[in-house]
Amino acid sequence: MTTLELKKILIHRIAEIDDLTFLKALKTILDSKTDTEYIALTAEQRNEIMESKKQIERGLFTEHKKLEKEVSGWLKER
């Protein structure tokens, strides 16, 4: 049996299923095997990301290691 033949059989069998819980389980399995994931962002989230990218380009950021040292210093002062 070829991949194409198997896909056709599966598509036909899935089309016959009316059990919503089972279909959701199948969707979960299929979602875990897809190569591309899409995250739906709001306009506000996209704007925040674009603004963050601009800030990084202008050098307006702190490197993770430096920030860890600062936080560690603050915690020692407590």
PDB file of N, CA and C in Angstrom:
ATOM      1  N   MET A   1       0.852  -1.178   0.000  1.00  0.00           N
ATOM      2  CA  MET A   1       0.000   0.000   0.000  1.00  0.00           C
ATOM      3  C   MET A   1       0.898   1.241   0.000  1.00  0.00           C
ATOM      4  N   THR A   2       0.610   2.184  -0.863  1.00  0.00           N
ATOM      5  CA  THR A   2       1.406   3.407  -0.955  1.00  0.00           C
ATOM      6  C   THR A   2       0.899   4.429   0.060  1.00  0.00           C
ATOM      7  N   THR A   3       1.686   5.452   0.243  1.00  0.00           N
ATOM      8  CA  THR A   3       1.294   6.540   1.145  1.00  0.00           C
ATOM      9  C   THR A   3       0.007   7.188   0.665  1.00  0.00           C
ATOM     10  N   LEU A   4      -0.097   7.416  -0.615  1.00  0.00           N
ATOM     11  CA  LEU A   4      -1.287   8.044  -1.189  1.00  0.00           C
ATOM     12  C   LEU A   4      -2.533   7.191  -0.968  1.00  0.00           C
ATOM     13  N   GLU A   5      -2.396   5.900  -1.172  1.00  0.00           N
ATOM     14  CA  GLU A   5      -3.534   4.992  -0.958  1.00  0.00           C
ATOM     15  C   GLU A   5      -3.972   5.003   0.508  1.00  0.00           C
ATOM     16  N   LEU A   6      -3.002   4.976   1.403  1.00  0.00           N
ATOM     17  CA  LEU A   6      -3.319   4.997   2.828  1.00  0.00           C
ATOM     18  C   LEU A   6      -4.005   6.301   3.220  1.00  0.00           C
ATOM     19  N   LYS A   7      -3.531   7.419   2.689  1.00  0.00           N
ATOM     20  CA  LYS A   7      -4.158   8.707   2.971  1.00  0.00           C
ATOM     21  C   LYS A   7      -5.619   8.719   2.521  1.00  0.00           C
ATOM     22  N   LYS A   8      -5.873   8.183   1.347  1.00  0.00           N
ATOM     23  CA  LYS A   8      -7.245   8.141   0.830  1.00  0.00           C
ATOM     24  C   LYS A   8      -8.148   7.300   1.728  1.00  0.00           C
ATOM     25  N   ILE A   9      -7.632   6.161   2.179  1.00  0.00           N
ATOM     26  CA  ILE A   9      -8.410   5.296   3.075  1.00  0.00           C
ATOM     27  C   ILE A   9      -8.709   6.022   4.385  1.00  0.00           C
ATOM     28  N   LEU A  10      -7.685   6.651   4.947  1.00  0.00           N
ATOM     29  CA  LEU A  10      -7.864   7.366   6.215  1.00  0.00           C
ATOM     30  C   LEU A  10      -8.844   8.528   6.081  1.00  0.00           C
ATOM     31  N   ILE A  11      -8.736   9.280   5.000  1.00  0.00           N
ATOM     32  CA  ILE A  11      -9.657  10.396   4.768  1.00  0.00           C
ATOM     33  C   ILE A  11     -11.092   9.891   4.695  1.00  0.00           C
ATOM     34  N   HIS A  12     -11.288   8.808   3.985  1.00  0.00           N
ATOM     35  CA  HIS A  12     -12.633   8.227   3.858  1.00  0.00           C
ATOM     36  C   HIS A  12     -13.150   7.759   5.214  1.00  0.00           C
ATOM     37  N   ARG A  13     -12.297   7.080   5.982  1.00  0.00           N
ATOM     38  CA  ARG A  13     -12.709   6.560   7.287  1.00  0.00           C
ATOM     39  C   ARG A  13     -13.009   7.694   8.253  1.00  0.00           C
ATOM     40  N   ILE A  14     -12.176   8.747   8.253  1.00  0.00           N
ATOM     41  CA  ILE A  14     -12.397   9.884   9.152  1.00  0.00           C
ATOM     42  C   ILE A  14     -13.701  10.595   8.797  1.00  0.00           C
ATOM     43  N   ALA A  15     -14.010  10.693   7.518  1.00  0.00           N
ATOM     44  CA  ALA A  15     -15.244  11.350   7.076  1.00  0.00           C
ATOM     45  C   ALA A  15     -16.483  10.644   7.618  1.00  0.00           C
ATOM     46  N   GLU A  16     -16.359   9.372   7.952  1.00  0.00           N
ATOM     47  CA  GLU A  16     -17.499   8.602   8.451  1.00  0.00           C
ATOM     48  C   GLU A  16     -17.682   8.705   9.964  1.00  0.00           C
ATOM     49  N   ILE A  17     -16.724   9.295  10.671  1.00  0.00           N
ATOM     50  CA  ILE A  17     -16.763   9.360  12.134  1.00  0.00           C
ATOM     51  C   ILE A  17     -17.593  10.566  12.575  1.00  0.00           C
ATOM     52  N   ASP A  18     -18.511  10.314  13.520  1.00  0.00           N
ATOM     53  CA  ASP A  18     -19.340  11.389  14.067  1.00  0.00           C
ATOM     54  C   ASP A  18     -19.027  11.669  15.539  1.00  0.00           C
ATOM     55  N   ASP A  19     -18.131  10.930  16.130  1.00  0.00           N
ATOM     56  CA  ASP A  19     -17.780  11.078  17.542  1.00  0.00           C
ATOM     57  C   ASP A  19     -16.832  12.278  17.709  1.00  0.00           C
ATOM     58  N   LEU A  20     -17.358  13.363  18.281  1.00  0.00           N
ATOM     59  CA  LEU A  20     -16.596  14.601  18.404  1.00  0.00           C
ATOM     60  C   LEU A  20     -15.348  14.415  19.266  1.00  0.00           C
ATOM     61  N   THR A  21     -15.463  13.681  20.356  1.00  0.00           N
ATOM     62  CA  THR A  21     -14.310  13.446  21.229  1.00  0.00           C
ATOM     63  C   THR A  21     -13.204  12.711  20.490  1.00  0.00           C
ATOM     64  N   PHE A  22     -13.579  11.697  19.728  1.00  0.00           N
ATOM     65  CA  PHE A  22     -12.601  10.929  18.957  1.00  0.00           C
ATOM     66  C   PHE A  22     -11.950  11.811  17.891  1.00  0.00           C
ATOM     67  N   LEU A  23     -12.746  12.631  17.221  1.00  0.00           N
ATOM     68  CA  LEU A  23     -12.200  13.522  16.192  1.00  0.00           C
ATOM     69  C   LEU A  23     -11.236  14.535  16.799  1.00  0.00           C
ATOM     70  N   LYS A  24     -11.563  15.038  17.988  1.00  0.00           N
ATOM     71  CA  LYS A  24     -10.655  15.972  18.661  1.00  0.00           C
ATOM     72  C   LYS A  24      -9.340  15.273  19.020  1.00  0.00           C
ATOM     73  N   ALA A  25      -9.424  14.017  19.439  1.00  0.00           N
ATOM     74  CA  ALA A  25      -8.213  13.252  19.750  1.00  0.00           C
ATOM     75  C   ALA A  25      -7.360  13.062  18.494  1.00  0.00           C
ATOM     76  N   LEU A  26      -8.007  12.753  17.384  1.00  0.00           N
ATOM     77  CA  LEU A  26      -7.281  12.627  16.116  1.00  0.00           C
ATOM     78  C   LEU A  26      -6.610  13.946  15.740  1.00  0.00           C
ATOM     79  N   LYS A  27      -7.324  15.033  15.927  1.00  0.00           N
ATOM     80  CA  LYS A  27      -6.769  16.356  15.610  1.00  0.00           C
ATOM     81  C   LYS A  27      -5.529  16.629  16.454  1.00  0.00           C
ATOM     82  N   THR A  28      -5.595  16.265  17.733  1.00  0.00           N
ATOM     83  CA  THR A  28      -4.439  16.452  18.613  1.00  0.00           C
ATOM     84  C   THR A  28      -3.236  15.663  18.102  1.00  0.00           C
ATOM     85  N   ILE A  29      -3.470  14.444  17.691  1.00  0.00           N
ATOM     86  CA  ILE A  29      -2.387  13.619  17.141  1.00  0.00           C
ATOM     87  C   ILE A  29      -1.828  14.247  15.878  1.00  0.00           C
ATOM     88  N   LEU A  30      -2.705  14.673  14.984  1.00  0.00           N
ATOM     89  CA  LEU A  30      -2.264  15.274  13.730  1.00  0.00           C
ATOM     90  C   LEU A  30      -1.524  16.589  13.969  1.00  0.00           C
ATOM     91  N   ASP A  31      -2.019  17.389  14.911  1.00  0.00           N
ATOM     92  CA  ASP A  31      -1.359  18.657  15.219  1.00  0.00           C
ATOM     93  C   ASP A  31       0.051  18.437  15.733  1.00  0.00           C
ATOM     94  N   SER A  32       0.277  17.347  16.459  1.00  0.00           N
ATOM     95  CA  SER A  32       1.606  17.086  17.007  1.00  0.00           C
ATOM     96  C   SER A  32       2.588  16.644  15.924  1.00  0.00           C
ATOM     97  N   LYS A  33       2.097  16.232  14.762  1.00  0.00           N
ATOM     98  CA  LYS A  33       2.953  15.753  13.688  1.00  0.00           C
ATOM     99  C   LYS A  33       3.171  16.753  12.564  1.00  0.00           C
ATOM    100  N   THR A  34       2.519  17.888  12.615  1.00  0.00           N
ATOM    101  CA  THR A  34       2.695  18.861  11.540  1.00  0.00           C
ATOM    102  C   THR A  34       3.970  19.651  11.771  1.00  0.00           C
ATOM    103  N   ASP A  35       4.610  20.037  10.692  1.00  0.00           N
ATOM    104  CA  ASP A  35       5.872  20.764  10.772  1.00  0.00           C
ATOM    105  C   ASP A  35       5.683  22.244  11.076  1.00  0.00           C
ATOM    106  N   THR A  36       4.565  22.782  10.686  1.00  0.00           N
ATOM    107  CA  THR A  36       4.355  24.208  10.872  1.00  0.00           C
ATOM    108  C   THR A  36       3.257  24.451  11.888  1.00  0.00           C
ATOM    109  N   GLU A  37       3.554  25.356  12.798  1.00  0.00           N
ATOM    110  CA  GLU A  37       2.566  25.776  13.771  1.00  0.00           C
ATOM    111  C   GLU A  37       2.340  27.267  13.579  1.00  0.00           C
ATOM    112  N   TYR A  38       1.106  27.652  13.639  1.00  0.00           N
ATOM    113  CA  TYR A  38       0.776  29.053  13.495  1.00  0.00           C
ATOM    114  C   TYR A  38       0.165  29.551  14.796  1.00  0.00           C
ATOM    115  N   ILE A  39       0.643  30.677  15.243  1.00  0.00           N
ATOM    116  CA  ILE A  39       0.098  31.305  16.426  1.00  0.00           C
ATOM    117  C   ILE A  39      -0.637  32.549  15.966  1.00  0.00           C
ATOM    118  N   ALA A  40      -1.912  32.614  16.272  1.00  0.00           N
ATOM    119  CA  ALA A  40      -2.703  33.778  15.888  1.00  0.00           C
ATOM    120  C   ALA A  40      -2.422  34.908  16.876  1.00  0.00           C
ATOM    121  N   LEU A  41      -1.929  36.009  16.364  1.00  0.00           N
ATOM    122  CA  LEU A  41      -1.625  37.172  17.194  1.00  0.00           C
ATOM    123  C   LEU A  41      -2.634  38.268  16.939  1.00  0.00           C
ATOM    124  N   THR A  42      -2.907  39.017  17.987  1.00  0.00           N
ATOM    125  CA  THR A  42      -3.770  40.181  17.818  1.00  0.00           C
ATOM    126  C   THR A  42      -2.936  41.302  17.195  1.00  0.00           C
ATOM    127  N   ALA A  43      -3.600  42.321  16.720  1.00  0.00           N
ATOM    128  CA  ALA A  43      -2.892  43.472  16.144  1.00  0.00           C
ATOM    129  C   ALA A  43      -1.987  44.104  17.205  1.00  0.00           C
ATOM    130  N   GLU A  44      -2.472  44.153  18.430  1.00  0.00           N
ATOM    131  CA  GLU A  44      -1.680  44.737  19.515  1.00  0.00           C
ATOM    132  C   GLU A  44      -0.406  43.922  19.757  1.00  0.00           C
ATOM    133  N   GLN A  45      -0.510  42.602  19.728  1.00  0.00           N
ATOM    134  CA  GLN A  45       0.663  41.750  19.922  1.00  0.00           C
ATOM    135  C   GLN A  45       1.668  41.926  18.787  1.00  0.00           C
ATOM    136  N   ARG A  46       1.174  42.006  17.548  1.00  0.00           N
ATOM    137  CA  ARG A  46       2.078  42.220  16.404  1.00  0.00           C
ATOM    138  C   ARG A  46       2.789  43.563  16.536  1.00  0.00           C
ATOM    139  N   ASN A  47       2.066  44.597  16.960  1.00  0.00           N
ATOM    140  CA  ASN A  47       2.669  45.921  17.143  1.00  0.00           C
ATOM    141  C   ASN A  47       3.742  45.894  18.227  1.00  0.00           C
ATOM    142  N   GLU A  48       3.473  45.189  19.323  1.00  0.00           N
ATOM    143  CA  GLU A  48       4.456  45.073  20.403  1.00  0.00           C
ATOM    144  C   GLU A  48       5.734  44.388  19.907  1.00  0.00           C
ATOM    145  N   ILE A  49       5.577  43.352  19.122  1.00  0.00           N
ATOM    146  CA  ILE A  49       6.737  42.635  18.578  1.00  0.00           C
ATOM    147  C   ILE A  49       7.537  43.550  17.660  1.00  0.00           C
ATOM    148  N   MET A  50       6.856  44.275  16.793  1.00  0.00           N
ATOM    149  CA  MET A  50       7.552  45.186  15.878  1.00  0.00           C
ATOM    150  C   MET A  50       8.291  46.279  16.655  1.00  0.00           C
ATOM    151  N   GLU A  51       7.648  46.818  17.685  1.00  0.00           N
ATOM    152  CA  GLU A  51       8.293  47.847  18.502  1.00  0.00           C
ATOM    153  C   GLU A  51       9.513  47.270  19.225  1.00  0.00           C
ATOM    154  N   SER A  52       9.401  46.057  19.719  1.00  0.00           N
ATOM    155  CA  SER A  52      10.532  45.406  20.396  1.00  0.00           C
ATOM    156  C   SER A  52      11.698  45.208  19.433  1.00  0.00           C
ATOM    157  N   LYS A  53      11.407  44.802  18.208  1.00  0.00           N
ATOM    158  CA  LYS A  53      12.463  44.637  17.209  1.00  0.00           C
ATOM    159  C   LYS A  53      13.175  45.961  16.941  1.00  0.00           C
ATOM    160  N   LYS A  54      12.410  47.046  16.853  1.00  0.00           N
ATOM    161  CA  LYS A  54      13.011  48.364  16.632  1.00  0.00           C
ATOM    162  C   LYS A  54      13.912  48.750  17.803  1.00  0.00           C
ATOM    163  N   GLN A  55      13.464  48.454  19.032  1.00  0.00           N
ATOM    164  CA  GLN A  55      14.272  48.773  20.209  1.00  0.00           C
ATOM    165  C   GLN A  55      15.578  47.981  20.203  1.00  0.00           C
ATOM    166  N   ILE A  56      15.513  46.724  19.803  1.00  0.00           N
ATOM    167  CA  ILE A  56      16.718  45.902  19.728  1.00  0.00           C
ATOM    168  C   ILE A  56      17.676  46.476  18.697  1.00  0.00           C
ATOM    169  N   GLU A  57      17.158  46.890  17.552  1.00  0.00           N
ATOM    170  CA  GLU A  57      18.002  47.483  16.506  1.00  0.00           C
ATOM    171  C   GLU A  57      18.703  48.746  17.002  1.00  0.00           C
ATOM    172  N   ARG A  58      18.043  49.490  17.903  1.00  0.00           N
ATOM    173  CA  ARG A  58      18.628  50.718  18.456  1.00  0.00           C
ATOM    174  C   ARG A  58      19.506  50.443  19.675  1.00  0.00           C
ATOM    175  N   GLY A  59      19.639  49.165  20.035  1.00  0.00           N
ATOM    176  CA  GLY A  59      20.490  48.807  21.165  1.00  0.00           C
ATOM    177  C   GLY A  59      19.819  48.994  22.516  1.00  0.00           C
ATOM    178  N   LEU A  60      18.522  49.148  22.538  1.00  0.00           N
ATOM    179  CA  LEU A  60      17.789  49.388  23.779  1.00  0.00           C
ATOM    180  C   LEU A  60      17.340  48.057  24.395  1.00  0.00           C
ATOM    181  N   PHE A  61      18.323  47.298  24.888  1.00  0.00           N
ATOM    182  CA  PHE A  61      18.022  46.018  25.514  1.00  0.00           C
ATOM    183  C   PHE A  61      19.138  45.690  26.495  1.00  0.00           C
ATOM    184  N   THR A  62      18.882  44.736  27.366  1.00  0.00           N
ATOM    185  CA  THR A  62      19.870  44.248  28.314  1.00  0.00           C
ATOM    186  C   THR A  62      20.082  42.770  28.052  1.00  0.00           C
ATOM    187  N   GLU A  63      21.340  42.370  27.976  1.00  0.00           N
ATOM    188  CA  GLU A  63      21.632  40.958  27.745  1.00  0.00           C
ATOM    189  C   GLU A  63      21.249  40.141  28.968  1.00  0.00           C
ATOM    190  N   HIS A  64      20.870  38.904  28.720  1.00  0.00           N
ATOM    191  CA  HIS A  64      20.342  38.032  29.764  1.00  0.00           C
ATOM    192  C   HIS A  64      21.322  37.863  30.925  1.00  0.00           C
ATOM    193  N   LYS A  65      22.584  37.614  30.625  1.00  0.00           N
ATOM    194  CA  LYS A  65      23.592  37.408  31.680  1.00  0.00           C
ATOM    195  C   LYS A  65      23.730  38.642  32.563  1.00  0.00           C
ATOM    196  N   LYS A  66      23.717  39.826  31.935  1.00  0.00           N
ATOM    197  CA  LYS A  66      23.834  41.069  32.703  1.00  0.00           C
ATOM    198  C   LYS A  66      22.619  41.247  33.605  1.00  0.00           C
ATOM    199  N   LEU A  67      21.458  40.943  33.087  1.00  0.00           N
ATOM    200  CA  LEU A  67      20.232  41.067  33.865  1.00  0.00           C
ATOM    201  C   LEU A  67      20.238  40.092  35.039  1.00  0.00           C
ATOM    202  N   GLU A  68      20.729  38.861  34.808  1.00  0.00           N
ATOM    203  CA  GLU A  68      20.828  37.887  35.898  1.00  0.00           C
ATOM    204  C   GLU A  68      21.720  38.406  37.019  1.00  0.00           C
ATOM    205  N   LYS A  69      22.845  39.032  36.669  1.00  0.00           N
ATOM    206  CA  LYS A  69      23.751  39.584  37.682  1.00  0.00           C
ATOM    207  C   LYS A  69      23.065  40.696  38.468  1.00  0.00           C
ATOM    208  N   GLU A  70      22.323  41.558  37.766  1.00  0.00           N
ATOM    209  CA  GLU A  70      21.619  42.643  38.449  1.00  0.00           C
ATOM    210  C   GLU A  70      20.581  42.096  39.430  1.00  0.00           C
ATOM    211  N   VAL A  71      19.808  41.133  38.993  1.00  0.00           N
ATOM    212  CA  VAL A  71      18.769  40.558  39.847  1.00  0.00           C
ATOM    213  C   VAL A  71      19.423  39.852  41.032  1.00  0.00           C
ATOM    214  N   SER A  72      20.501  39.127  40.775  1.00  0.00           N
ATOM    215  CA  SER A  72      21.211  38.442  41.847  1.00  0.00           C
ATOM    216  C   SER A  72      21.692  39.454  42.887  1.00  0.00           C
ATOM    217  N   GLY A  73      22.217  40.596  42.438  1.00  0.00           N
ATOM    218  CA  GLY A  73      22.660  41.658  43.337  1.00  0.00           C
ATOM    219  C   GLY A  73      21.503  42.216  44.156  1.00  0.00           C
ATOM    220  N   TRP A  74      20.369  42.409  43.526  1.00  0.00           N
ATOM    221  CA  TRP A  74      19.206  42.921  44.249  1.00  0.00           C
ATOM    222  C   TRP A  74      18.774  41.937  45.339  1.00  0.00           C
ATOM    223  N   LEU A  75      18.792  40.641  44.997  1.00  0.00           N
ATOM    224  CA  LEU A  75      18.358  39.632  45.961  1.00  0.00           C
ATOM    225  C   LEU A  75      19.325  39.525  47.148  1.00  0.00           C
ATOM    226  N   LYS A  76      20.617  39.759  46.917  1.00  0.00           N
ATOM    227  CA  LYS A  76      21.596  39.708  47.989  1.00  0.00           C
ATOM    228  C   LYS A  76      21.407  40.870  48.960  1.00  0.00           C
ATOM    229  N   GLU A  77      20.897  41.999  48.459  1.00  0.00           N
ATOM    230  CA  GLU A  77      20.685  43.188  49.287  1.00  0.00           C
ATOM    231  C   GLU A  77      19.497  43.028  50.231  1.00  0.00           C
ATOM    232  N   ARG A  78      18.629  42.099  49.944  1.00  0.00           N
ATOM    233  CA  ARG A  78      17.417  41.921  50.760  1.00  0.00           C
ATOM    234  C   ARG A  78      17.714  41.427  52.094  1.00  0.00           C
TER     235      ARG A  78
END
